[in-house]
Structure formats: structure tokens, C-alpha cells
PDB file of all heavy atoms in Angstrom:
ATOM      1  N   TRP A   1      -3.427   5.561  -3.330  1.00  0.00           N
ATOM      2  CA  TRP A   1      -4.826   5.147  -3.384  1.00  0.00           C
ATOM      3  C   TRP A   1      -5.699   6.304  -3.826  1.00  0.00           C
ATOM      4  O   TRP A   1      -5.303   7.466  -3.813  1.00  0.00           O
ATOM      5  CB  TRP A   1      -5.280   4.606  -2.029  1.00  0.00           C
ATOM      6  CG  TRP A   1      -5.691   5.657  -1.028  1.00  0.00           C
ATOM      7  CD1 TRP A   1      -6.952   6.080  -0.743  1.00  0.00           C
ATOM      8  CD2 TRP A   1      -4.834   6.423  -0.187  1.00  0.00           C
ATOM      9  NE1 TRP A   1      -6.936   7.055   0.222  1.00  0.00           N
ATOM     10  CE2 TRP A   1      -5.640   7.282   0.588  1.00  0.00           C
ATOM     11  CE3 TRP A   1      -3.443   6.480   0.005  1.00  0.00           C
ATOM     12  CZ2 TRP A   1      -5.129   8.180   1.511  1.00  0.00           C
ATOM     13  CZ3 TRP A   1      -2.927   7.367   0.932  1.00  0.00           C
ATOM     14  CH2 TRP A   1      -3.760   8.196   1.665  1.00  0.00           C
ATOM     15  N   GLY A   2      -6.899   5.955  -4.211  1.00  0.00           N
ATOM     16  CA  GLY A   2      -7.883   6.953  -4.614  1.00  0.00           C
ATOM     17  C   GLY A   2      -9.263   6.351  -4.550  1.00  0.00           C
ATOM     18  O   GLY A   2      -9.436   5.140  -4.397  1.00  0.00           O
ATOM     19  N   ALA A   3     -10.285   7.195  -4.668  1.00  0.00           N
ATOM     20  CA  ALA A   3     -11.677   6.749  -4.617  1.00  0.00           C
ATOM     21  C   ALA A   3     -12.150   6.328  -6.002  1.00  0.00           C
ATOM     22  O   ALA A   3     -11.774   6.934  -7.009  1.00  0.00           O
ATOM     23  CB  ALA A   3     -12.575   7.844  -4.058  1.00  0.00           C
ATOM     24  N   VAL A   4     -12.963   5.297  -6.048  1.00  0.00           N
ATOM     25  CA  VAL A   4     -13.560   4.833  -7.294  1.00  0.00           C
ATOM     26  C   VAL A   4     -14.779   5.703  -7.594  1.00  0.00           C
ATOM     27  O   VAL A   4     -15.632   5.919  -6.731  1.00  0.00           O
ATOM     28  CB  VAL A   4     -13.970   3.356  -7.184  1.00  0.00           C
ATOM     29  CG1 VAL A   4     -14.646   2.889  -8.474  1.00  0.00           C
ATOM     30  CG2 VAL A   4     -12.749   2.492  -6.871  1.00  0.00           C
ATOM     31  N   ASP A   5     -14.867   6.207  -8.824  1.00  0.00           N
ATOM     32  CA  ASP A   5     -15.999   7.072  -9.163  1.00  0.00           C
ATOM     33  C   ASP A   5     -17.210   6.246  -9.594  1.00  0.00           C
ATOM     34  O   ASP A   5     -17.176   5.010  -9.620  1.00  0.00           O
ATOM     35  CB  ASP A   5     -15.605   8.089 -10.235  1.00  0.00           C
ATOM     36  CG  ASP A   5     -15.258   7.459 -11.580  1.00  0.00           C
ATOM     37  OD1 ASP A   5     -15.705   6.330 -11.859  1.00  0.00           O
ATOM     38  OD2 ASP A   5     -14.544   8.112 -12.371  1.00  0.00           O
ATOM     39  N   GLY A   6     -18.284   6.939  -9.947  1.00  0.00           N
ATOM     40  CA  GLY A   6     -19.535   6.273 -10.281  1.00  0.00           C
ATOM     41  C   GLY A   6     -19.457   5.395 -11.509  1.00  0.00           C
ATOM     42  O   GLY A   6     -20.311   4.529 -11.708  1.00  0.00           O
ATOM     43  N   SER A   7     -18.447   5.597 -12.327  1.00  0.00           N
ATOM     44  CA  SER A   7     -18.286   4.780 -13.529  1.00  0.00           C
ATOM     45  C   SER A   7     -17.330   3.612 -13.325  1.00  0.00           C
ATOM     46  O   SER A   7     -17.007   2.892 -14.271  1.00  0.00           O
ATOM     47  CB  SER A   7     -17.773   5.655 -14.683  1.00  0.00           C
ATOM     48  OG  SER A   7     -18.694   6.698 -14.963  1.00  0.00           O
ATOM     49  N   GLY A   8     -16.845   3.474 -12.090  1.00  0.00           N
ATOM     50  CA  GLY A   8     -15.912   2.396 -11.794  1.00  0.00           C
ATOM     51  C   GLY A   8     -14.470   2.733 -12.064  1.00  0.00           C
ATOM     52  O   GLY A   8     -13.593   1.866 -11.956  1.00  0.00           O
ATOM     53  N   ASN A   9     -14.182   3.993 -12.402  1.00  0.00           N
ATOM     54  CA  ASN A   9     -12.810   4.412 -12.657  1.00  0.00           C
ATOM     55  C   ASN A   9     -12.136   4.869 -11.370  1.00  0.00           C
ATOM     56  O   ASN A   9     -12.788   5.360 -10.453  1.00  0.00           O
ATOM     57  CB  ASN A   9     -12.793   5.554 -13.676  1.00  0.00           C
ATOM     58  CG  ASN A   9     -13.416   5.147 -14.988  1.00  0.00           C
ATOM     59  OD1 ASN A   9     -13.116   4.086 -15.531  1.00  0.00           O
ATOM     60  ND2 ASN A   9     -14.312   5.987 -15.512  1.00  0.00           N
ATOM     61  N   CYS A  10     -10.828   4.729 -11.321  1.00  0.00           N
ATOM     62  CA  CYS A  10     -10.094   5.106 -10.106  1.00  0.00           C
ATOM     63  C   CYS A  10      -8.698   5.563 -10.470  1.00  0.00           C
ATOM     64  O   CYS A  10      -8.006   4.906 -11.264  1.00  0.00           O
ATOM     65  CB  CYS A  10     -10.021   3.916  -9.144  1.00  0.00           C
ATOM     66  SG  CYS A  10      -9.309   4.328  -7.538  1.00  0.00           S
ATOM     67  N   ASN A  11      -8.289   6.676  -9.918  1.00  0.00           N
ATOM     68  CA  ASN A  11      -6.945   7.218 -10.136  1.00  0.00           C
ATOM     69  C   ASN A  11      -6.260   7.345  -8.777  1.00  0.00           C
ATOM     70  O   ASN A  11      -6.540   8.283  -8.023  1.00  0.00           O
ATOM     71  CB  ASN A  11      -7.024   8.580 -10.823  1.00  0.00           C
ATOM     72  CG  ASN A  11      -5.646   9.126 -11.150  1.00  0.00           C
ATOM     73  OD1 ASN A  11      -4.664   8.391 -11.191  1.00  0.00           O
ATOM     74  ND2 ASN A  11      -5.573  10.434 -11.387  1.00  0.00           N
ATOM     75  N   PRO A  12      -5.394   6.404  -8.414  1.00  0.00           N
ATOM     76  CA  PRO A  12      -4.762   6.437  -7.088  1.00  0.00           C
ATOM     77  C   PRO A  12      -3.656   7.485  -6.997  1.00  0.00           C
ATOM     78  O   PRO A  12      -2.492   7.221  -7.308  1.00  0.00           O
ATOM     79  CB  PRO A  12      -4.204   5.017  -6.935  1.00  0.00           C
ATOM     80  CG  PRO A  12      -3.954   4.561  -8.331  1.00  0.00           C
ATOM     81  CD  PRO A  12      -4.997   5.220  -9.185  1.00  0.00           C
ATOM     82  N   THR A  13      -4.009   8.688  -6.557  1.00  0.00           N
ATOM     83  CA  THR A  13      -3.048   9.793  -6.487  1.00  0.00           C
ATOM     84  C   THR A  13      -2.596  10.119  -5.078  1.00  0.00           C
ATOM     85  O   THR A  13      -1.558  10.755  -4.896  1.00  0.00           O
ATOM     86  CB  THR A  13      -3.650  11.054  -7.116  1.00  0.00           C
ATOM     87  OG1 THR A  13      -4.876  11.375  -6.453  1.00  0.00           O
ATOM     88  CG2 THR A  13      -3.920  10.841  -8.604  1.00  0.00           C
ATOM     89  N   ASN A  14      -3.377   9.730  -4.052  1.00  0.00           N
ATOM     90  CA  ASN A  14      -2.944   9.963  -2.673  1.00  0.00           C
ATOM     91  C   ASN A  14      -1.814   8.999  -2.330  1.00  0.00           C
ATOM     92  O   ASN A  14      -1.889   7.808  -2.649  1.00  0.00           O
ATOM     93  CB  ASN A  14      -4.107   9.737  -1.702  1.00  0.00           C
ATOM     94  CG  ASN A  14      -5.308  10.592  -2.034  1.00  0.00           C
ATOM     95  OD1 ASN A  14      -5.283  11.791  -1.862  1.00  0.00           O
ATOM     96  ND2 ASN A  14      -6.364   9.945  -2.543  1.00  0.00           N
ATOM     97  N   SER A  15      -0.773   9.505  -1.690  1.00  0.00           N
ATOM     98  CA  SER A  15       0.402   8.674  -1.445  1.00  0.00           C
ATOM     99  C   SER A  15       0.763   8.655   0.035  1.00  0.00           C
ATOM    100  O   SER A  15       0.600   9.657   0.738  1.00  0.00           O
ATOM    101  CB  SER A  15       1.595   9.195  -2.262  1.00  0.00           C
ATOM    102  OG  SER A  15       2.733   8.373  -2.079  1.00  0.00           O
ATOM    103  N   VAL A  16       1.248   7.506   0.507  1.00  0.00           N
ATOM    104  CA  VAL A  16       1.718   7.379   1.881  1.00  0.00           C
ATOM    105  C   VAL A  16       2.978   6.515   1.877  1.00  0.00           C
ATOM    106  O   VAL A  16       3.088   5.546   1.122  1.00  0.00           O
ATOM    107  CB  VAL A  16       0.642   6.756   2.791  1.00  0.00           C
ATOM    108  CG1 VAL A  16       0.267   5.362   2.337  1.00  0.00           C
ATOM    109  CG2 VAL A  16       1.090   6.750   4.240  1.00  0.00           C
ATOM    110  N   THR A  17       3.940   6.914   2.702  1.00  0.00           N
ATOM    111  CA  THR A  17       5.186   6.158   2.814  1.00  0.00           C
ATOM    112  C   THR A  17       4.962   4.883   3.612  1.00  0.00           C
ATOM    113  O   THR A  17       4.255   4.887   4.623  1.00  0.00           O
ATOM    114  CB  THR A  17       6.270   7.008   3.485  1.00  0.00           C
ATOM    115  OG1 THR A  17       6.493   8.187   2.702  1.00  0.00           O
ATOM    116  CG2 THR A  17       7.574   6.239   3.634  1.00  0.00           C
ATOM    117  N   ALA A  18       5.553   3.790   3.176  1.00  0.00           N
ATOM    118  CA  ALA A  18       5.433   2.500   3.855  1.00  0.00           C
ATOM    119  C   ALA A  18       6.650   2.260   4.744  1.00  0.00           C
ATOM    120  O   ALA A  18       7.727   2.833   4.541  1.00  0.00           O
ATOM    121  CB  ALA A  18       5.309   1.378   2.827  1.00  0.00           C
ATOM    122  N   THR A  19       6.468   1.405   5.735  1.00  0.00           N
ATOM    123  CA  THR A  19       7.572   0.972   6.590  1.00  0.00           C
ATOM    124  C   THR A  19       7.892  -0.479   6.280  1.00  0.00           C
ATOM    125  O   THR A  19       7.041  -1.233   5.805  1.00  0.00           O
ATOM    126  CB  THR A  19       7.211   1.114   8.080  1.00  0.00           C
ATOM    127  OG1 THR A  19       6.043   0.318   8.358  1.00  0.00           O
ATOM    128  CG2 THR A  19       6.936   2.561   8.430  1.00  0.00           C
ATOM    129  N   LYS A  20       9.139  -0.874   6.549  1.00  0.00           N
ATOM    130  CA  LYS A  20       9.588  -2.214   6.169  1.00  0.00           C
ATOM    131  C   LYS A  20      10.209  -2.943   7.350  1.00  0.00           C
ATOM    132  O   LYS A  20      10.732  -2.329   8.288  1.00  0.00           O
ATOM    133  CB  LYS A  20      10.600  -2.131   5.032  1.00  0.00           C
ATOM    134  CG  LYS A  20      11.935  -1.510   5.413  1.00  0.00           C
ATOM    135  CD  LYS A  20      12.879  -1.457   4.226  1.00  0.00           C
ATOM    136  CE  LYS A  20      14.271  -0.958   4.616  1.00  0.00           C
ATOM    137  NZ  LYS A  20      14.258   0.428   5.127  1.00  0.00           N
ATOM    138  N   THR A  21      10.152  -4.270   7.286  1.00  0.00           N
ATOM    139  CA  THR A  21      10.803  -5.146   8.252  1.00  0.00           C
ATOM    140  C   THR A  21      11.410  -6.307   7.493  1.00  0.00           C
ATOM    141  O   THR A  21      10.743  -6.928   6.646  1.00  0.00           O
ATOM    142  CB  THR A  21       9.790  -5.683   9.285  1.00  0.00           C
ATOM    143  OG1 THR A  21       9.159  -4.588   9.937  1.00  0.00           O
ATOM    144  CG2 THR A  21      10.491  -6.556  10.318  1.00  0.00           C
ATOM    145  N   GLY A  22      12.647  -6.621   7.774  1.00  0.00           N
ATOM    146  CA  GLY A  22      13.311  -7.720   7.095  1.00  0.00           C
ATOM    147  C   GLY A  22      12.854  -9.077   7.610  1.00  0.00           C
ATOM    148  O   GLY A  22      12.568  -9.246   8.795  1.00  0.00           O
ATOM    149  N   PHE A  23      12.771 -10.058   6.718  1.00  0.00           N
ATOM    150  CA  PHE A  23      12.454 -11.435   7.093  1.00  0.00           C
ATOM    151  C   PHE A  23      12.998 -12.342   6.006  1.00  0.00           C
ATOM    152  O   PHE A  23      13.538 -11.878   5.000  1.00  0.00           O
ATOM    153  CB  PHE A  23      10.946 -11.626   7.276  1.00  0.00           C
ATOM    154  CG  PHE A  23      10.162 -11.627   5.983  1.00  0.00           C
ATOM    155  CD1 PHE A  23       9.690 -12.814   5.441  1.00  0.00           C
ATOM    156  CD2 PHE A  23       9.897 -10.443   5.296  1.00  0.00           C
ATOM    157  CE1 PHE A  23       8.978 -12.822   4.251  1.00  0.00           C
ATOM    158  CE2 PHE A  23       9.185 -10.446   4.104  1.00  0.00           C
ATOM    159  CZ  PHE A  23       8.726 -11.638   3.581  1.00  0.00           C
ATOM    160  N   GLN A  24      12.863 -13.657   6.192  1.00  0.00           N
ATOM    161  CA  GLN A  24      13.366 -14.616   5.221  1.00  0.00           C
ATOM    162  C   GLN A  24      12.302 -15.641   4.863  1.00  0.00           C
ATOM    163  O   GLN A  24      11.532 -16.079   5.720  1.00  0.00           O
ATOM    164  CB  GLN A  24      14.590 -15.366   5.758  1.00  0.00           C
ATOM    165  CG  GLN A  24      15.847 -14.531   5.846  1.00  0.00           C
ATOM    166  CD  GLN A  24      17.060 -15.393   6.186  1.00  0.00           C
ATOM    167  OE1 GLN A  24      16.937 -16.455   6.789  1.00  0.00           O
ATOM    168  NE2 GLN A  24      18.244 -14.939   5.788  1.00  0.00           N
ATOM    169  N   VAL A  25      12.275 -16.015   3.597  1.00  0.00           N
ATOM    170  CA  VAL A  25      11.509 -17.158   3.125  1.00  0.00           C
ATOM    171  C   VAL A  25      12.498 -18.142   2.533  1.00  0.00           C
ATOM    172  O   VAL A  25      13.197 -17.815   1.566  1.00  0.00           O
ATOM    173  CB  VAL A  25      10.459 -16.747   2.073  1.00  0.00           C
ATOM    174  CG1 VAL A  25       9.823 -17.982   1.431  1.00  0.00           C
ATOM    175  CG2 VAL A  25       9.384 -15.870   2.687  1.00  0.00           C
ATOM    176  N   ALA A  26      12.598 -19.314   3.150  1.00  0.00           N
ATOM    177  CA  ALA A  26      13.513 -20.358   2.669  1.00  0.00           C
ATOM    178  C   ALA A  26      14.932 -19.818   2.475  1.00  0.00           C
ATOM    179  O   ALA A  26      15.603 -20.137   1.484  1.00  0.00           O
ATOM    180  CB  ALA A  26      12.980 -20.980   1.384  1.00  0.00           C
ATOM    181  N   GLY A  27      15.386 -18.974   3.396  1.00  0.00           N
ATOM    182  CA  GLY A  27      16.735 -18.434   3.352  1.00  0.00           C
ATOM    183  C   GLY A  27      16.916 -17.218   2.468  1.00  0.00           C
ATOM    184  O   GLY A  27      18.012 -16.652   2.414  1.00  0.00           O
ATOM    185  N   THR A  28      15.873 -16.781   1.785  1.00  0.00           N
ATOM    186  CA  THR A  28      15.942 -15.601   0.917  1.00  0.00           C
ATOM    187  C   THR A  28      15.524 -14.365   1.694  1.00  0.00           C
ATOM    188  O   THR A  28      14.448 -14.341   2.301  1.00  0.00           O
ATOM    189  CB  THR A  28      15.020 -15.771  -0.303  1.00  0.00           C
ATOM    190  OG1 THR A  28      15.422 -16.929  -1.039  1.00  0.00           O
ATOM    191  CG2 THR A  28      15.080 -14.548  -1.203  1.00  0.00           C
ATOM    192  N   ASN A  29      16.360 -13.335   1.688  1.00  0.00           N
ATOM    193  CA  ASN A  29      16.054 -12.094   2.403  1.00  0.00           C
ATOM    194  C   ASN A  29      15.008 -11.282   1.643  1.00  0.00           C
ATOM    195  O   ASN A  29      15.137 -11.055   0.440  1.00  0.00           O
ATOM    196  CB  ASN A  29      17.326 -11.248   2.559  1.00  0.00           C
ATOM    197  CG  ASN A  29      18.318 -11.882   3.506  1.00  0.00           C
ATOM    198  OD1 ASN A  29      17.939 -12.475   4.518  1.00  0.00           O
ATOM    199  ND2 ASN A  29      19.602 -11.779   3.184  1.00  0.00           N
ATOM    200  N   GLU A  30      13.987 -10.852   2.373  1.00  0.00           N
ATOM    201  CA  GLU A  30      12.929 -10.040   1.780  1.00  0.00           C
ATOM    202  C   GLU A  30      12.557  -8.926   2.747  1.00  0.00           C
ATOM    203  O   GLU A  30      12.972  -8.924   3.908  1.00  0.00           O
ATOM    204  CB  GLU A  30      11.700 -10.909   1.464  1.00  0.00           C
ATOM    205  CG  GLU A  30      11.985 -12.053   0.503  1.00  0.00           C
ATOM    206  CD  GLU A  30      10.750 -12.862   0.149  1.00  0.00           C
ATOM    207  OE1 GLU A  30       9.629 -12.347   0.329  1.00  0.00           O
ATOM    208  OE2 GLU A  30      10.903 -14.011  -0.313  1.00  0.00           O
ATOM    209  N   TYR A  31      11.753  -7.994   2.264  1.00  0.00           N
ATOM    210  CA  TYR A  31      11.176  -6.948   3.107  1.00  0.00           C
ATOM    211  C   TYR A  31       9.665  -7.123   3.160  1.00  0.00           C
ATOM    212  O   TYR A  31       9.014  -7.292   2.121  1.00  0.00           O
ATOM    213  CB  TYR A  31      11.469  -5.554   2.546  1.00  0.00           C
ATOM    214  CG  TYR A  31      12.878  -5.051   2.749  1.00  0.00           C
ATOM    215  CD1 TYR A  31      13.541  -4.382   1.717  1.00  0.00           C
ATOM    216  CD2 TYR A  31      13.537  -5.201   3.964  1.00  0.00           C
ATOM    217  CE1 TYR A  31      14.828  -3.883   1.892  1.00  0.00           C
ATOM    218  CE2 TYR A  31      14.829  -4.724   4.143  1.00  0.00           C
ATOM    219  CZ  TYR A  31      15.471  -4.075   3.109  1.00  0.00           C
ATOM    220  OH  TYR A  31      16.744  -3.582   3.279  1.00  0.00           O
ATOM    221  N   GLN A  32       9.126  -7.088   4.366  1.00  0.00           N
ATOM    222  CA  GLN A  32       7.679  -7.001   4.554  1.00  0.00           C
ATOM    223  C   GLN A  32       7.330  -5.531   4.735  1.00  0.00           C
ATOM    224  O   GLN A  32       7.906  -4.848   5.587  1.00  0.00           O
ATOM    225  CB  GLN A  32       7.252  -7.809   5.787  1.00  0.00           C
ATOM    226  CG  GLN A  32       5.773  -7.768   6.092  1.00  0.00           C
ATOM    227  CD  GLN A  32       4.940  -8.631   5.150  1.00  0.00           C
ATOM    228  OE1 GLN A  32       5.450  -9.481   4.437  1.00  0.00           O
ATOM    229  NE2 GLN A  32       3.642  -8.395   5.136  1.00  0.00           N
ATOM    230  N   TRP A  33       6.381  -5.033   3.930  1.00  0.00           N
ATOM    231  CA  TRP A  33       6.013  -3.620   3.946  1.00  0.00           C
ATOM    232  C   TRP A  33       4.578  -3.454   4.451  1.00  0.00           C
ATOM    233  O   TRP A  33       3.735  -4.332   4.248  1.00  0.00           O
ATOM    234  CB  TRP A  33       6.082  -3.027   2.537  1.00  0.00           C
ATOM    235  CG  TRP A  33       7.450  -3.037   1.921  1.00  0.00           C
ATOM    236  CD1 TRP A  33       8.028  -4.050   1.201  1.00  0.00           C
ATOM    237  CD2 TRP A  33       8.409  -1.978   1.968  1.00  0.00           C
ATOM    238  NE1 TRP A  33       9.284  -3.689   0.790  1.00  0.00           N
ATOM    239  CE2 TRP A  33       9.551  -2.419   1.249  1.00  0.00           C
ATOM    240  CE3 TRP A  33       8.423  -0.700   2.530  1.00  0.00           C
ATOM    241  CZ2 TRP A  33      10.681  -1.626   1.077  1.00  0.00           C
ATOM    242  CZ3 TRP A  33       9.544   0.093   2.355  1.00  0.00           C
ATOM    243  CH2 TRP A  33      10.662  -0.373   1.649  1.00  0.00           C
ATOM    244  N   LYS A  34       4.318  -2.305   5.081  1.00  0.00           N
ATOM    245  CA  LYS A  34       2.936  -1.957   5.401  1.00  0.00           C
ATOM    246  C   LYS A  34       2.766  -0.455   5.277  1.00  0.00           C
ATOM    247  O   LYS A  34       3.672   0.323   5.569  1.00  0.00           O
ATOM    248  CB  LYS A  34       2.528  -2.433   6.793  1.00  0.00           C
ATOM    249  CG  LYS A  34       3.152  -1.698   7.959  1.00  0.00           C
ATOM    250  CD  LYS A  34       2.559  -2.177   9.286  1.00  0.00           C
ATOM    251  CE  LYS A  34       3.102  -1.382  10.461  1.00  0.00           C
ATOM    252  NZ  LYS A  34       2.512  -1.827  11.755  1.00  0.00           N
ATOM    253  N   ALA A  35       1.581  -0.065   4.827  1.00  0.00           N
ATOM    254  CA  ALA A  35       1.240   1.348   4.675  1.00  0.00           C
ATOM    255  C   ALA A  35      -0.190   1.543   5.151  1.00  0.00           C
ATOM    256  O   ALA A  35      -1.103   0.837   4.697  1.00  0.00           O
ATOM    257  CB  ALA A  35       1.378   1.783   3.217  1.00  0.00           C
ATOM    258  N   LYS A  36      -0.380   2.470   6.049  1.00  0.00           N
ATOM    259  CA  LYS A  36      -1.718   2.758   6.561  1.00  0.00           C
ATOM    260  C   LYS A  36      -2.370   3.827   5.699  1.00  0.00           C
ATOM    261  O   LYS A  36      -1.847   4.929   5.544  1.00  0.00           O
ATOM    262  CB  LYS A  36      -1.661   3.230   8.014  1.00  0.00           C
ATOM    263  CG  LYS A  36      -3.028   3.537   8.611  1.00  0.00           C
ATOM    264  CD  LYS A  36      -2.919   3.971  10.061  1.00  0.00           C
ATOM    265  CE  LYS A  36      -4.281   4.326  10.643  1.00  0.00           C
ATOM    266  NZ  LYS A  36      -4.193   4.765  12.063  1.00  0.00           N
ATOM    267  N   LEU A  37      -3.536   3.496   5.124  1.00  0.00           N
ATOM    268  CA  LEU A  37      -4.289   4.435   4.321  1.00  0.00           C
ATOM    269  C   LEU A  37      -5.357   5.080   5.191  1.00  0.00           C
ATOM    270  O   LEU A  37      -6.237   4.399   5.714  1.00  0.00           O
ATOM    271  CB  LEU A  37      -4.955   3.738   3.133  1.00  0.00           C
ATOM    272  CG  LEU A  37      -4.084   2.808   2.274  1.00  0.00           C
ATOM    273  CD1 LEU A  37      -4.873   2.353   1.051  1.00  0.00           C
ATOM    274  CD2 LEU A  37      -2.782   3.469   1.881  1.00  0.00           C
ATOM    275  N   SER A  38      -5.269   6.391   5.382  1.00  0.00           N
ATOM    276  CA  SER A  38      -6.290   7.137   6.119  1.00  0.00           C
ATOM    277  C   SER A  38      -7.276   7.679   5.096  1.00  0.00           C
ATOM    278  O   SER A  38      -7.072   8.745   4.516  1.00  0.00           O
ATOM    279  CB  SER A  38      -5.634   8.258   6.925  1.00  0.00           C
ATOM    280  OG  SER A  38      -4.739   7.711   7.890  1.00  0.00           O
ATOM    281  N   LEU A  39      -8.340   6.949   4.892  1.00  0.00           N
ATOM    282  CA  LEU A  39      -9.232   7.192   3.769  1.00  0.00           C
ATOM    283  C   LEU A  39     -10.088   8.433   3.953  1.00  0.00           C
ATOM    284  O   LEU A  39     -10.442   9.103   2.997  1.00  0.00           O
ATOM    285  CB  LEU A  39     -10.122   5.969   3.554  1.00  0.00           C
ATOM    286  CG  LEU A  39      -9.357   4.639   3.409  1.00  0.00           C
ATOM    287  CD1 LEU A  39     -10.321   3.471   3.410  1.00  0.00           C
ATOM    288  CD2 LEU A  39      -8.510   4.638   2.155  1.00  0.00           C
ATOM    289  N   GLY A  40     -10.475   8.702   5.191  1.00  0.00           N
ATOM    290  CA  GLY A  40     -11.210   9.921   5.489  1.00  0.00           C
ATOM    291  C   GLY A  40     -12.685   9.869   5.162  1.00  0.00           C
ATOM    292  O   GLY A  40     -13.435  10.768   5.525  1.00  0.00           O
ATOM    293  N   THR A  41     -13.139   8.838   4.472  1.00  0.00           N
ATOM    294  CA  THR A  41     -14.540   8.735   4.112  1.00  0.00           C
ATOM    295  C   THR A  41     -14.873   7.285   3.846  1.00  0.00           C
ATOM    296  O   THR A  41     -13.971   6.429   3.775  1.00  0.00           O
ATOM    297  CB  THR A  41     -14.858   9.575   2.856  1.00  0.00           C
ATOM    298  OG1 THR A  41     -16.262   9.529   2.605  1.00  0.00           O
ATOM    299  CG2 THR A  41     -14.107   9.054   1.646  1.00  0.00           C
TER     300      THR A  41
END
């Protein structure tokens, strides 16, 4: 993620590792992911 500047541009360079949990949709195995962004501002 990154902050949007005054011109509406954004370069998402901050990175955070996500965690995963397995689940199924209609018998298909998938991963549900989540990542907490600590924006600081």
C-alpha cells in the first residue's frame, strides 16, 4: 500500500505479510487471506 498524492497518483511500496486460512467453496479448496495495514496517518 501507499498514500495517494495530490494529483491522485499512488505507488504502493509499503509491504506486509498476509496470513491464510483454508476453506472450501462448493468443494473447491481455497485460501482466505488477511493483511493488516498500519497506515500511521
